[in-house]
Structure formats: structure tokens, C-alpha cells
Amino acid sequence: MFSAKALNSAMRSMEATLVVLELLSIPYIWIDSKEWQSELLPHGIKGTDALKSASKDVGIRRFPQFKELIQKRKDADGILIAEYCRMKYK
């Protein structure tokens, strides 16, 4: 999993990002992973490995031009989150 140091670093980075957004009066919405996964991934998938595999498969089908990059990263979470936001908030 994550080391305490890596988790602390990620939390501080997130906090700094939120502070900047708030200082610049840039609105943001927090989207839980289950929200976008329930819309874009097949239903009934459980477990980190199965979710990552499904993310990779769906990402390659939806964005074949990024197949190499998705395979290298082993998932398509980032582009699928962006796609979910595009679909929901356009």
C-alpha cells in the first residue's frame, strides 16, 4: 500500500491545491472514485486489481489512440475521470 510518508505528502499536496483554488476563487467539486466508476466501469467489479484491469480495458476501448500509454500506466483512471466530468458537467 502507501507508506506513511507518501500518504502525508499526498495529503499536503491536496491541501495546498485546495488552498490555491479557494484563494483564486476557482470553484471545484469533489468526486469520489465510486461515482465515476459506477458510470463508466462494468457493474459488480470488486477489488483494486479488478478495478484497475477494468479501467484499463474500458480506457483502451474508449480511447484507442492512448492504448500504449494506458498499458504502460496499467489503468486509465485519469482519462476516465476527465471523461466522466465531460459527460456530466458539459
Foldseek 3Di string as FASTA:
>chain_A
DDDPVVVVVVVVVVVVVVVVCVVVVNDDDDDDLVVLCVVQFDPPQDDDLRSLQRQLVSCCVVCVVCNVVSVVVSGNSVVSVVVSCVVPPD
